[in-house]
Amino acid sequence: MSLKYNILIIGSGAREHAFAWKIKQSSRVNNLFVAPGNAGTSEIAENIQLSVNDFEAIKTAVLKNDINMVLVGPEDPIVNGITDFFENDIKLKDVLIIAPNKSGARLEGSKSFSKQFMVKYNIPTAKYHIVTEHNLEEGIAFLSSFNPPYVLKADGLASGKGVLIINDREEAINSLKEILNGKFGKAGNTVVIEQFMEGIEMSTFVLTDGINYVLLPEAKDYKRIGEGDTGLNTGGMGAVSPVPFLTPELQKKIDTLVIHRTIHGLRAENINFKGFIFIGLMISNGNPFVIEYNIRMGDPETEVVIPRIENDFVDLLEATALHKLNQQQIKIKKEAFATIIAASKGYPEHFEKDKIITGLNNKTNSLVFHSGTTLKNEHIVTNGGRVLAVSSSGKNITEAVKTSVETLNNISFDGIYFRKDIGYEFK
């Protein structure tokens, strides 16, 4: 008989709501907790109010609620060493935790480490140069060696704001100096300068136990606030899966040149990586190049990837923690999924909170995942820039997008904004 788990999901966004929704379907769950969660997760799990980086508070919650499996959603606690904390605490060492340790987290936590890793293991990526205040002149010389646009990346985590794409060389030099002088805090003590890559972006997702891996459904997200991919960059305004231009030939290249070499590299570095690897790719002239690694699932990509997985999710998570993913075979739905983000007015700049959301109880053919919501005076109210992620299926992306738009047309809060053109290039 299969072991049943008390499971804790760490995080508060739509990614974590999607995880909770999927895990709730498993017969292998006794009790499900989300910390800190949101108004949506509170409907299917028990929310625990704590900070994702307060490891002592997490330990207390784990022991109090007899939790024996932990799934970590956001990157901050992973980079800060939550897995190491669990593995080094005698009271927590038997708890299964699905997240890489600090060593593996460098794939996302340090842009310079990830670029050096790619070069060492012959993983295709853009040409680059690593710059600190001690070799600033080298960085300026590198900027002079190729034509714009120039890509500047703060080495560490900068809340999604640490990447600049600049078309003017002098502006790029000035921005390089600003980052090194503290524009993004300590995250910018080191800067990676990259050559800009032309092409079309997509994301591929791997769940690995450090030795074996399963390939999850791919996705494409839409970062710009405005329709037609205009305006400011955001955390993501929507996503689609599958990606129509992913041919068997391209998938084979991604498997061979990127995924196999990444997993091999982690093993060669003696990094015991147990969790998700989200690989941002640029497809240029039919070939994949790695833009970046993330050491967790993306948001809003999770909201189209997870609904396409047919497997019992707890089986996959358990196999990841116990190095048994070779015993799992991924099953993926053929339907297309599209998620559209409902955002607060003013996002991604200044936005207001505490706007009452109505229409959430309307009957719908969509999955409504909460991102920035909370409960206040028995009302569900907005509590972030990205508020809801509405995911729908269809026989193709156009049909899935249409259903999500119809659902969002029946949901309201003051200042609600969403893009109606997600997946526009595939219509």
Protein backbone atom coordinates (compact mmCIF):
# COMPACT_ATOMS: atom_id res chain seq x y z
CA MET A 1 0.00 0.00 0.00
CA SER A 2 1.33 3.46 -0.98
CA LEU A 3 2.33 5.85 1.76
CA LYS A 4 0.02 8.83 2.31
CA TYR A 5 1.52 12.24 2.98
CA ASN A 6 0.84 15.43 4.86
CA ILE A 7 2.15 17.94 2.32
CA LEU A 8 3.28 21.56 2.67
CA ILE A 9 3.57 23.82 -0.39
CA ILE A 10 5.69 26.92 0.19
CA GLY A 11 4.65 30.09 -1.67
CA SER A 12 1.69 32.38 -2.26
CA GLY A 13 1.11 32.69 -6.00
CA ALA A 14 -0.84 31.07 -8.81
CA ARG A 15 2.00 28.57 -9.26
CA GLU A 16 1.40 27.30 -5.72
CA HIS A 17 -2.39 27.31 -6.22
CA ALA A 18 -1.90 25.18 -9.35
CA PHE A 19 0.34 22.79 -7.39
CA ALA A 20 -2.29 22.55 -4.63
CA TRP A 21 -5.09 21.95 -7.15
CA LYS A 22 -3.13 19.09 -8.74
CA ILE A 23 -1.93 17.53 -5.47
CA LYS A 24 -5.47 17.68 -4.04
CA GLN A 25 -6.54 15.21 -6.75
CA SER A 26 -4.15 12.54 -5.43
CA SER A 27 -5.39 9.69 -3.24
CA ARG A 28 -2.00 9.86 -1.50
CA VAL A 29 -2.69 13.08 0.44
CA ASN A 30 -3.91 13.16 4.02
CA ASN A 31 -3.62 16.89 4.74
CA LEU A 32 -2.53 19.73 2.48
CA PHE A 33 -1.03 23.02 3.70
CA VAL A 34 0.17 26.14 1.85
CA ALA A 35 2.43 28.76 3.44
CA PRO A 36 1.51 31.55 3.25
CA GLY A 37 -0.95 30.78 0.42
CA ASN A 38 -3.73 33.05 -0.83
CA ALA A 39 -7.53 33.25 -0.90
CA GLY A 40 -7.67 30.54 -3.57
CA THR A 41 -5.48 28.02 -1.78
CA SER A 42 -7.53 28.53 1.42
CA GLU A 43 -10.49 26.92 -0.37
CA ILE A 44 -8.67 23.61 -0.96
CA ALA A 45 -5.93 23.56 1.69
CA GLU A 46 -5.04 25.04 5.06
CA ASN A 47 -3.03 28.25 4.81
CA ILE A 48 -0.24 28.83 7.33
CA GLN A 49 0.80 32.46 7.74
CA LEU A 50 4.57 32.67 7.66
CA SER A 51 7.39 34.08 5.55
CA VAL A 52 8.84 31.76 2.89
CA ASN A 53 12.32 32.69 4.14
CA ASP A 54 11.63 32.10 7.84
CA PHE A 55 13.05 28.58 8.02
CA GLU A 56 12.58 28.27 11.79
CA ALA A 57 8.87 29.10 11.45
CA ILE A 58 8.61 26.56 8.61
CA LYS A 59 10.30 23.94 10.81
CA THR A 60 7.79 24.64 13.59
CA ALA A 61 4.87 24.27 11.16
CA VAL A 62 6.29 21.04 9.73
CA LEU A 63 6.71 19.44 13.16
CA LYS A 64 3.38 20.71 14.53
CA ASN A 65 1.38 19.39 11.56
CA ASP A 66 3.35 16.15 11.10
CA ILE A 67 4.26 17.20 7.55
CA ASN A 68 6.41 14.64 5.70
CA MET A 69 6.68 16.20 2.23
CA VAL A 70 7.52 19.82 1.32
CA LEU A 71 7.29 21.33 -2.17
CA VAL A 72 9.01 24.72 -2.53
CA GLY A 73 7.53 27.09 -5.13
CA PRO A 74 9.53 30.36 -5.27
CA GLU A 75 13.25 30.80 -5.90
CA ASP A 76 14.17 32.92 -2.85
CA PRO A 77 13.99 30.22 -0.15
CA ILE A 78 15.70 27.73 -2.48
CA VAL A 79 18.63 30.07 -3.17
CA ASN A 80 18.73 30.91 0.54
CA GLY A 81 19.24 27.23 1.37
CA ILE A 82 15.94 25.79 2.61
CA THR A 83 16.90 22.30 1.41
CA ASP A 84 20.25 22.46 3.21
CA PHE A 85 18.40 23.63 6.35
CA PHE A 86 16.13 20.56 6.22
CA GLU A 87 18.94 18.13 5.45
CA ASN A 88 21.11 19.44 8.30
CA ASP A 89 18.37 19.40 10.96
CA ILE A 90 18.02 16.05 12.71
CA LYS A 91 14.29 16.61 13.29
CA LEU A 92 13.67 17.37 9.59
CA LYS A 93 16.05 15.03 7.82
CA ASP A 94 13.35 12.42 7.07
CA VAL A 95 10.98 15.00 5.54
CA LEU A 96 10.97 14.74 1.74
CA ILE A 97 11.77 18.16 0.27
CA ILE A 98 11.42 18.86 -3.42
CA ALA A 99 13.87 21.67 -4.16
CA PRO A 100 17.57 21.73 -5.03
CA ASN A 101 20.17 22.55 -2.39
CA LYS A 102 22.23 25.76 -2.35
CA SER A 103 24.80 24.25 -4.69
CA GLY A 104 22.18 23.43 -7.34
CA ALA A 105 20.38 26.73 -6.76
CA ARG A 106 23.38 28.57 -8.23
CA LEU A 107 21.98 27.74 -11.68
CA GLU A 108 19.48 30.56 -11.03
CA GLY A 109 21.04 32.37 -8.09
CA SER A 110 24.25 33.22 -9.98
CA LYS A 111 24.14 34.19 -13.66
CA SER A 112 27.94 33.97 -13.85
CA PHE A 113 27.94 30.42 -12.45
CA SER A 114 25.24 29.31 -14.91
CA LYS A 115 27.08 30.79 -17.91
CA GLN A 116 30.34 29.12 -16.89
CA PHE A 117 28.42 25.87 -16.36
CA MET A 118 26.95 26.08 -19.88
CA VAL A 119 30.33 26.69 -21.48
CA LYS A 120 31.99 23.90 -19.45
CA TYR A 121 29.38 21.35 -20.57
CA ASN A 122 29.05 22.63 -24.15
CA ILE A 123 25.46 23.84 -23.76
CA PRO A 124 24.60 26.40 -26.48
CA THR A 125 24.20 29.96 -25.18
CA ALA A 126 25.03 33.56 -26.13
CA LYS A 127 28.62 34.88 -26.00
CA TYR A 128 29.25 36.66 -22.72
CA HIS A 129 31.73 38.37 -20.40
CA ILE A 130 31.67 38.48 -16.58
CA VAL A 131 32.40 41.91 -15.11
CA THR A 132 33.08 43.22 -11.59
CA GLU A 133 34.42 46.61 -10.46
CA HIS A 134 37.93 45.13 -10.80
CA ASN A 135 37.71 44.43 -14.55
CA LEU A 136 35.33 47.19 -15.66
CA GLU A 137 37.60 48.16 -18.59
CA GLU A 138 37.39 44.58 -19.91
CA GLY A 139 33.58 44.85 -19.82
CA ILE A 140 33.64 48.14 -21.72
CA ALA A 141 35.98 46.61 -24.31
CA PHE A 142 33.62 43.62 -24.69
CA LEU A 143 30.69 45.99 -25.30
CA SER A 144 32.75 47.60 -28.05
CA SER A 145 33.44 44.25 -29.73
CA PHE A 146 29.92 43.69 -31.10
CA ASN A 147 26.87 45.62 -32.26
CA PRO A 148 23.78 46.40 -30.12
CA PRO A 149 21.44 45.44 -28.58
CA TYR A 150 23.46 44.75 -25.43
CA VAL A 151 22.16 42.52 -22.64
CA LEU A 152 23.23 43.29 -19.05
CA LYS A 153 22.32 40.83 -16.28
CA ALA A 154 22.83 41.32 -12.57
CA ASP A 155 24.49 38.15 -11.28
CA GLY A 156 22.12 37.51 -8.35
CA LEU A 157 18.37 37.54 -7.76
CA ALA A 158 16.89 40.98 -8.39
CA SER A 159 13.14 40.32 -8.16
CA GLY A 160 12.88 39.84 -11.91
CA LYS A 161 14.25 43.33 -12.63
CA GLY A 162 17.94 42.50 -13.08
CA VAL A 163 18.06 42.19 -16.88
CA LEU A 164 18.50 45.22 -19.14
CA ILE A 165 18.42 45.21 -22.97
CA ILE A 166 20.02 48.39 -24.32
CA ASN A 167 20.42 49.65 -27.90
CA ASP A 168 23.07 52.34 -27.33
CA ARG A 169 26.68 51.58 -26.41
CA GLU A 170 27.22 54.65 -24.20
CA GLU A 171 23.96 53.97 -22.38
CA ALA A 172 25.05 50.35 -21.89
CA ILE A 173 28.39 51.49 -20.40
CA ASN A 174 26.61 53.89 -18.04
CA SER A 175 24.10 51.19 -17.03
CA LEU A 176 26.94 48.74 -16.39
CA LYS A 177 28.54 51.27 -14.01
CA GLU A 178 25.17 51.92 -12.30
CA ILE A 179 24.58 48.21 -11.67
CA LEU A 180 28.09 47.75 -10.27
CA ASN A 181 27.47 50.80 -8.05
CA GLY A 182 24.40 49.26 -6.45
CA LYS A 183 21.40 49.81 -8.75
CA PHE A 184 20.21 46.27 -7.91
CA GLY A 185 21.94 46.02 -4.53
CA LYS A 186 24.30 43.11 -3.90
CA ALA A 187 22.76 41.21 -6.84
CA GLY A 188 24.72 43.55 -9.13
CA ASN A 189 28.18 43.18 -7.56
CA THR A 190 28.90 41.03 -10.61
CA VAL A 191 27.37 41.64 -14.05
CA VAL A 192 27.10 39.30 -17.03
CA ILE A 193 27.20 41.07 -20.42
CA GLU A 194 25.70 39.02 -23.23
CA GLN A 195 25.29 39.33 -26.96
CA PHE A 196 21.64 39.68 -27.88
CA MET A 197 20.09 36.64 -29.59
CA GLU A 198 17.45 36.94 -32.30
CA GLY A 199 14.71 34.32 -32.48
CA ILE A 200 11.59 33.13 -30.71
CA GLU A 201 11.45 32.21 -27.05
CA MET A 202 10.01 29.14 -25.37
CA SER A 203 10.48 27.30 -22.09
CA THR A 204 11.15 23.66 -21.40
CA PHE A 205 10.64 22.05 -17.99
CA VAL A 206 12.38 19.09 -16.41
CA LEU A 207 11.72 17.29 -13.13
CA THR A 208 14.88 15.52 -11.99
CA ASP A 209 15.99 13.42 -9.03
CA GLY A 210 19.63 14.26 -9.82
CA ILE A 211 20.16 11.12 -11.88
CA ASN A 212 16.98 10.54 -13.86
CA TYR A 213 14.50 13.05 -15.24
CA VAL A 214 11.08 13.37 -16.83
CA LEU A 215 10.31 15.99 -19.46
CA LEU A 216 7.23 18.03 -18.59
CA PRO A 217 5.06 19.87 -21.15
CA GLU A 218 6.73 22.89 -22.75
CA ALA A 219 5.27 26.42 -22.69
CA LYS A 220 5.61 29.92 -24.08
CA ASP A 221 4.90 32.94 -21.90
CA TYR A 222 4.15 36.59 -22.67
CA LYS A 223 6.06 39.13 -20.59
CA ARG A 224 4.96 42.48 -22.01
CA ILE A 225 2.06 44.33 -20.41
CA GLY A 226 0.52 45.45 -23.72
CA GLU A 227 -1.18 43.56 -26.52
CA GLY A 228 1.07 42.71 -29.43
CA ASP A 229 3.95 42.36 -26.95
CA THR A 230 4.29 46.11 -26.31
CA GLY A 231 5.05 48.14 -23.20
CA LEU A 232 6.87 47.25 -19.99
CA ASN A 233 8.10 43.80 -19.03
CA THR A 234 6.11 42.05 -16.30
CA GLY A 235 6.34 38.79 -14.40
CA GLY A 236 4.22 37.29 -17.18
CA MET A 237 0.77 38.16 -18.57
CA GLY A 238 -0.11 34.71 -19.87
CA ALA A 239 1.20 31.46 -21.29
CA VAL A 240 0.31 28.69 -23.73
CA SER A 241 1.11 24.98 -24.03
CA PRO A 242 1.96 23.12 -26.22
CA VAL A 243 4.21 25.32 -28.37
CA PRO A 244 3.14 24.82 -32.02
CA PHE A 245 6.59 25.39 -33.53
CA LEU A 246 8.19 22.64 -31.40
CA THR A 247 8.83 19.97 -34.03
CA PRO A 248 10.19 16.48 -33.24
CA GLU A 249 13.48 17.58 -34.82
CA LEU A 250 13.74 20.65 -32.57
CA GLN A 251 12.75 18.61 -29.50
CA LYS A 252 15.55 16.16 -30.28
CA LYS A 253 18.05 19.04 -30.44
CA ILE A 254 16.79 20.39 -27.09
CA ASP A 255 17.06 16.93 -25.51
CA THR A 256 20.56 16.27 -26.87
CA LEU A 257 22.21 19.70 -26.69
CA VAL A 258 20.52 21.14 -23.61
CA ILE A 259 18.73 18.73 -21.28
CA HIS A 260 21.08 15.73 -21.40
CA ARG A 261 24.13 17.97 -21.05
CA THR A 262 22.55 19.89 -18.15
CA ILE A 263 21.75 16.74 -16.18
CA HIS A 264 25.18 15.29 -16.99
CA GLY A 265 26.84 18.54 -15.87
CA LEU A 266 25.00 18.55 -12.55
CA ARG A 267 26.10 14.97 -11.88
CA ALA A 268 29.69 15.74 -12.93
CA GLU A 269 29.71 18.67 -10.47
CA ASN A 270 28.40 16.34 -7.70
CA ILE A 271 25.29 18.49 -7.35
CA ASN A 272 22.42 16.46 -5.88
CA PHE A 273 19.65 18.32 -7.71
CA LYS A 274 16.15 17.19 -6.72
CA GLY A 275 13.43 19.37 -8.23
CA PHE A 276 12.39 21.37 -11.25
CA ILE A 277 14.65 22.93 -13.86
CA PHE A 278 12.98 25.59 -16.00
CA ILE A 279 15.10 26.28 -19.07
CA GLY A 280 14.41 29.50 -20.94
CA LEU A 281 15.33 28.97 -24.59
CA MET A 282 15.83 31.15 -27.63
CA ILE A 283 15.15 29.25 -30.85
CA SER A 284 17.34 30.83 -33.52
CA ASN A 285 17.47 29.41 -37.07
CA GLY A 286 15.97 26.17 -35.79
CA ASN A 287 18.54 25.73 -33.02
CA PRO A 288 18.08 26.05 -29.24
CA PHE A 289 20.19 28.43 -27.12
CA VAL A 290 19.83 28.71 -23.35
CA ILE A 291 18.87 32.19 -22.15
CA GLU A 292 18.70 31.22 -18.47
CA TYR A 293 18.04 28.48 -15.97
CA ASN A 294 15.48 28.70 -13.18
CA ILE A 295 15.56 26.20 -10.35
CA ARG A 296 11.77 26.06 -9.91
CA MET A 297 8.64 26.12 -12.04
CA GLY A 298 7.73 29.40 -13.72
CA ASP A 299 4.65 31.52 -13.19
CA PRO A 300 2.44 31.75 -15.31
CA GLU A 301 3.87 28.72 -17.16
CA THR A 302 2.94 26.36 -14.30
CA GLU A 303 -0.72 27.19 -14.86
CA VAL A 304 -0.64 25.62 -18.34
CA VAL A 305 1.96 22.90 -17.68
CA ILE A 306 0.39 21.32 -14.58
CA PRO A 307 -3.14 20.90 -16.06
CA ARG A 308 -1.63 18.95 -18.98
CA ILE A 309 0.01 16.34 -16.71
CA GLU A 310 -2.12 13.22 -16.24
CA ASN A 311 0.11 11.48 -13.67
CA ASP A 312 -0.62 11.44 -9.95
CA PHE A 313 1.55 14.41 -8.97
CA VAL A 314 2.42 12.99 -5.55
CA ASP A 315 3.88 9.90 -7.27
CA LEU A 316 6.17 12.19 -9.29
CA LEU A 317 7.21 14.25 -6.27
CA GLU A 318 7.93 11.18 -4.15
CA ALA A 319 9.98 9.61 -6.95
CA THR A 320 11.97 12.85 -7.25
CA ALA A 321 12.82 12.92 -3.55
CA LEU A 322 13.74 9.20 -3.47
CA HIS A 323 15.81 9.05 -6.70
CA LYS A 324 13.19 6.83 -8.37
CA LEU A 325 12.09 8.91 -11.35
CA ASN A 326 13.29 6.13 -13.65
CA GLN A 327 10.20 4.23 -12.45
CA GLN A 328 7.86 6.99 -13.68
CA GLN A 329 6.57 7.61 -17.17
CA ILE A 330 5.08 11.02 -17.84
CA LYS A 331 1.58 11.12 -19.33
CA ILE A 332 0.54 14.35 -21.06
CA LYS A 333 -2.87 15.50 -22.30
CA LYS A 334 -3.07 16.36 -25.98
CA GLU A 335 -5.33 19.39 -25.52
CA ALA A 336 -3.94 22.90 -25.66
CA PHE A 337 -4.04 25.10 -22.57
CA ALA A 338 -3.86 28.88 -22.30
CA THR A 339 -3.66 30.97 -19.14
CA ILE A 340 -4.38 34.70 -19.01
CA ILE A 341 -3.35 36.90 -16.10
CA ALA A 342 -5.78 39.43 -14.64
CA ALA A 343 -3.63 42.28 -13.33
CA SER A 344 -4.20 45.33 -11.15
CA LYS A 345 -4.46 48.75 -12.77
CA GLY A 346 -0.98 50.30 -13.05
CA TYR A 347 0.93 47.00 -12.95
CA PRO A 348 3.91 46.48 -13.33
CA GLU A 349 4.46 49.94 -11.81
CA HIS A 350 2.42 51.40 -8.93
CA PHE A 351 -0.88 49.62 -8.30
CA GLU A 352 -3.54 49.63 -5.59
CA LYS A 353 -4.64 46.68 -3.45
CA ASP A 354 -7.77 45.69 -1.53
CA LYS A 355 -10.15 45.82 -4.51
CA ILE A 356 -13.11 43.44 -4.05
CA ILE A 357 -13.22 40.69 -6.68
CA THR A 358 -16.62 39.59 -7.96
CA GLY A 359 -17.70 36.82 -10.32
CA LEU A 360 -15.44 34.11 -8.94
CA ASN A 361 -18.41 31.86 -8.21
CA ASN A 362 -19.76 32.01 -11.77
CA LYS A 363 -19.91 28.62 -13.48
CA THR A 364 -17.02 28.37 -15.88
CA ASN A 365 -15.12 25.97 -18.11
CA SER A 366 -11.84 27.45 -16.84
CA LEU A 367 -9.51 26.87 -13.90
CA VAL A 368 -9.15 30.07 -11.89
CA PHE A 369 -5.85 30.11 -10.01
CA HIS A 370 -5.32 32.91 -7.48
CA SER A 371 -2.07 34.85 -7.57
CA GLY A 372 -2.33 38.10 -5.61
CA THR A 373 -5.48 37.67 -3.50
CA THR A 374 -6.36 37.62 0.17
CA LEU A 375 -9.44 37.48 2.39
CA LYS A 376 -10.62 40.70 4.04
CA ASN A 377 -13.92 41.11 5.88
CA GLU A 378 -15.20 37.91 4.25
CA HIS A 379 -14.45 39.30 0.77
CA ILE A 380 -11.77 38.08 -1.63
CA VAL A 381 -9.72 41.18 -2.49
CA THR A 382 -6.71 41.98 -4.66
CA ASN A 383 -3.33 41.74 -2.94
CA GLY A 384 -0.76 42.04 -5.73
CA GLY A 385 0.03 43.21 -9.25
CA ARG A 386 -0.91 39.91 -10.82
CA VAL A 387 -4.21 38.88 -9.27
CA LEU A 388 -5.63 35.82 -11.06
CA ALA A 389 -4.47 33.29 -13.66
CA VAL A 390 -7.35 31.88 -15.71
CA SER A 391 -6.44 28.63 -17.48
CA SER A 392 -8.58 26.90 -20.09
CA SER A 393 -8.26 23.97 -22.46
CA GLY A 394 -9.25 23.66 -26.10
CA LYS A 395 -8.55 21.65 -29.21
CA ASN A 396 -6.08 24.43 -30.12
CA ILE A 397 -4.60 27.56 -28.53
CA THR A 398 -7.15 29.90 -30.14
CA GLU A 399 -10.03 27.97 -28.59
CA ALA A 400 -8.32 27.82 -25.18
CA VAL A 401 -7.65 31.58 -25.21
CA LYS A 402 -11.27 32.30 -26.21
CA THR A 403 -12.56 30.35 -23.20
CA SER A 404 -10.19 32.13 -20.79
CA VAL A 405 -11.27 35.54 -22.16
CA GLU A 406 -14.94 34.59 -21.76
CA THR A 407 -14.32 33.60 -18.14
CA LEU A 408 -12.44 36.82 -17.40
CA ASN A 409 -15.23 38.89 -18.93
CA ASN A 410 -17.43 37.61 -16.07
CA ILE A 411 -14.90 38.40 -13.32
CA SER A 412 -14.48 41.96 -12.09
CA PHE A 413 -12.52 44.18 -9.74
CA ASP A 414 -11.76 47.89 -9.89
CA GLY A 415 -9.03 48.42 -12.51
CA ILE A 416 -8.93 44.84 -13.82
CA TYR A 417 -6.68 44.50 -16.87
CA PHE A 418 -5.81 41.49 -19.00
CA ARG A 419 -4.44 40.80 -22.46
CA LYS A 420 -6.88 39.24 -24.92
CA ASP A 421 -4.18 38.34 -27.46
CA ILE A 422 -2.19 35.68 -25.60
CA GLY A 423 -0.99 33.15 -28.21
CA TYR A 424 -1.69 35.66 -30.99
CA GLU A 425 1.08 34.40 -33.28
CA PHE A 426 -0.45 30.90 -33.34
CA LYS A 427 -3.94 31.86 -34.55
